[in-house]
Amino acid sequence: MTVGYAFSHETVFADLRLAAMKREREPSSKAYRQDRFENTERAAKETIEAEQRARREKTKRLKELRLAQQSGQGPTTK
């Protein structure tokens, strides 16, 4: 029983390897690699900018909250 299970297990992995070998490969042209690099760079830059905006907004909200607490008022709601 264990042998049959092991055999089918190996067969499944052999089928997966064969499917991976037959799968169409990504183009490896210089233009494609450059485009992919630029897309990655742009995504990273957008992520960094979004994090910076979020940090500035949080700082602004905390500053407003602190000022409101110092003046004895409740937090302002927008």
C-alpha atoms as a PDB file:
ATOM      1  CA  MET A   1       0.000   0.000   0.000  1.00  0.00           C
ATOM      2  CA  THR A   2       2.801   2.419   0.841  1.00  0.00           C
ATOM      3  CA  VAL A   3       4.615   1.572  -2.389  1.00  0.00           C
ATOM      4  CA  GLY A   4       1.553   2.397  -4.500  1.00  0.00           C
ATOM      5  CA  TYR A   5       1.157   5.717  -2.708  1.00  0.00           C
ATOM      6  CA  ALA A   6       4.814   6.582  -3.226  1.00  0.00           C
ATOM      7  CA  PHE A   7       4.583   5.680  -6.900  1.00  0.00           C
ATOM      8  CA  SER A   8       1.558   7.893  -7.525  1.00  0.00           C
ATOM      9  CA  HIS A   9       3.253  10.662  -5.547  1.00  0.00           C
ATOM     10  CA  GLU A  10       6.333  10.475  -7.783  1.00  0.00           C
ATOM     11  CA  THR A  11       4.123  10.386 -10.879  1.00  0.00           C
ATOM     12  CA  VAL A  12       2.385  13.591  -9.815  1.00  0.00           C
ATOM     13  CA  PHE A  13       5.708  15.357  -9.356  1.00  0.00           C
ATOM     14  CA  ALA A  14       6.956  14.038 -12.705  1.00  0.00           C
ATOM     15  CA  ASP A  15       3.809  15.425 -14.353  1.00  0.00           C
ATOM     16  CA  LEU A  16       4.342  18.803 -12.670  1.00  0.00           C
ATOM     17  CA  ARG A  17       7.977  18.916 -13.812  1.00  0.00           C
ATOM     18  CA  LEU A  18       6.943  18.055 -17.366  1.00  0.00           C
ATOM     19  CA  ALA A  19       4.267  20.782 -17.327  1.00  0.00           C
ATOM     20  CA  ALA A  20       6.830  23.293 -16.050  1.00  0.00           C
ATOM     21  CA  MET A  21       9.249  22.365 -18.832  1.00  0.00           C
ATOM     22  CA  LYS A  22       6.545  22.770 -21.486  1.00  0.00           C
ATOM     23  CA  ARG A  23       5.327  26.110 -20.103  1.00  0.00           C
ATOM     24  CA  GLU A  24       6.083  29.061 -22.320  1.00  0.00           C
ATOM     25  CA  ARG A  25       9.096  30.997 -21.112  1.00  0.00           C
ATOM     26  CA  GLU A  26       9.161  34.750 -20.589  1.00  0.00           C
ATOM     27  CA  PRO A  27      10.906  36.637 -23.370  1.00  0.00           C
ATOM     28  CA  SER A  28      14.463  37.430 -22.412  1.00  0.00           C
ATOM     29  CA  SER A  29      15.092  40.338 -24.710  1.00  0.00           C
ATOM     30  CA  LYS A  30      16.941  43.366 -23.425  1.00  0.00           C
ATOM     31  CA  ALA A  31      13.922  45.582 -24.079  1.00  0.00           C
ATOM     32  CA  TYR A  32      11.668  43.299 -22.047  1.00  0.00           C
ATOM     33  CA  ARG A  33      14.106  43.228 -19.126  1.00  0.00           C
ATOM     34  CA  GLN A  34      14.474  47.010 -19.276  1.00  0.00           C
ATOM     35  CA  ASP A  35      10.694  47.467 -19.306  1.00  0.00           C
ATOM     36  CA  ARG A  36      10.280  45.135 -16.342  1.00  0.00           C
ATOM     37  CA  PHE A  37      13.036  46.984 -14.464  1.00  0.00           C
ATOM     38  CA  GLU A  38      11.370  50.345 -15.149  1.00  0.00           C
ATOM     39  CA  ASN A  39       7.986  49.015 -14.005  1.00  0.00           C
ATOM     40  CA  THR A  40       9.564  47.744 -10.788  1.00  0.00           C
ATOM     41  CA  GLU A  41      11.330  51.075 -10.254  1.00  0.00           C
ATOM     42  CA  ARG A  42       8.100  53.001 -10.814  1.00  0.00           C
ATOM     43  CA  ALA A  43       6.154  50.770  -8.421  1.00  0.00           C
ATOM     44  CA  ALA A  44       8.836  51.161  -5.756  1.00  0.00           C
ATOM     45  CA  LYS A  45       8.886  54.936  -6.190  1.00  0.00           C
ATOM     46  CA  GLU A  46       5.074  55.131  -5.942  1.00  0.00           C
ATOM     47  CA  THR A  47       5.124  52.998  -2.796  1.00  0.00           C
ATOM     48  CA  ILE A  48       7.752  55.200  -1.165  1.00  0.00           C
ATOM     49  CA  GLU A  49       5.828  58.355  -2.081  1.00  0.00           C
ATOM     50  CA  ALA A  50       2.589  56.895  -0.671  1.00  0.00           C
ATOM     51  CA  GLU A  51       4.340  55.994   2.590  1.00  0.00           C
ATOM     52  CA  GLN A  52       5.787  59.522   2.836  1.00  0.00           C
ATOM     53  CA  ARG A  53       2.340  61.069   2.226  1.00  0.00           C
ATOM     54  CA  ALA A  54       0.811  58.838   4.891  1.00  0.00           C
ATOM     55  CA  ARG A  55       3.564  59.781   7.343  1.00  0.00           C
ATOM     56  CA  ARG A  56       3.039  63.503   6.662  1.00  0.00           C
ATOM     57  CA  GLU A  57      -0.737  63.147   7.128  1.00  0.00           C
ATOM     58  CA  LYS A  58      -0.254  61.277  10.398  1.00  0.00           C
ATOM     59  CA  THR A  59       2.178  63.932  11.642  1.00  0.00           C
ATOM     60  CA  LYS A  60      -0.278  66.660  10.664  1.00  0.00           C
ATOM     61  CA  ARG A  61      -3.169  64.941  12.472  1.00  0.00           C
ATOM     62  CA  LEU A  62      -1.077  64.387  15.603  1.00  0.00           C
ATOM     63  CA  LYS A  63       0.032  68.016  15.579  1.00  0.00           C
ATOM     64  CA  GLU A  64      -3.586  69.196  15.257  1.00  0.00           C
ATOM     65  CA  LEU A  65      -4.625  66.865  18.079  1.00  0.00           C
ATOM     66  CA  ARG A  66      -1.821  68.124  20.327  1.00  0.00           C
ATOM     67  CA  LEU A  67      -2.723  71.752  19.636  1.00  0.00           C
ATOM     68  CA  ALA A  68      -6.388  71.037  20.341  1.00  0.00           C
ATOM     69  CA  GLN A  69      -5.521  69.337  23.639  1.00  0.00           C
ATOM     70  CA  GLN A  70      -3.223  72.205  24.671  1.00  0.00           C
ATOM     71  CA  SER A  71      -5.912  74.773  24.006  1.00  0.00           C
ATOM     72  CA  GLY A  72      -8.423  72.718  26.015  1.00  0.00           C
ATOM     73  CA  GLN A  73     -10.636  71.808  23.082  1.00  0.00           C
ATOM     74  CA  GLY A  74     -11.600  68.413  21.782  1.00  0.00           C
ATOM     75  CA  PRO A  75     -10.062  67.013  18.586  1.00  0.00           C
ATOM     76  CA  THR A  76     -11.319  68.588  15.389  1.00  0.00           C
ATOM     77  CA  THR A  77     -13.238  66.301  13.058  1.00  0.00           C
ATOM     78  CA  LYS A  78     -13.170  66.772   9.312  1.00  0.00           C
END
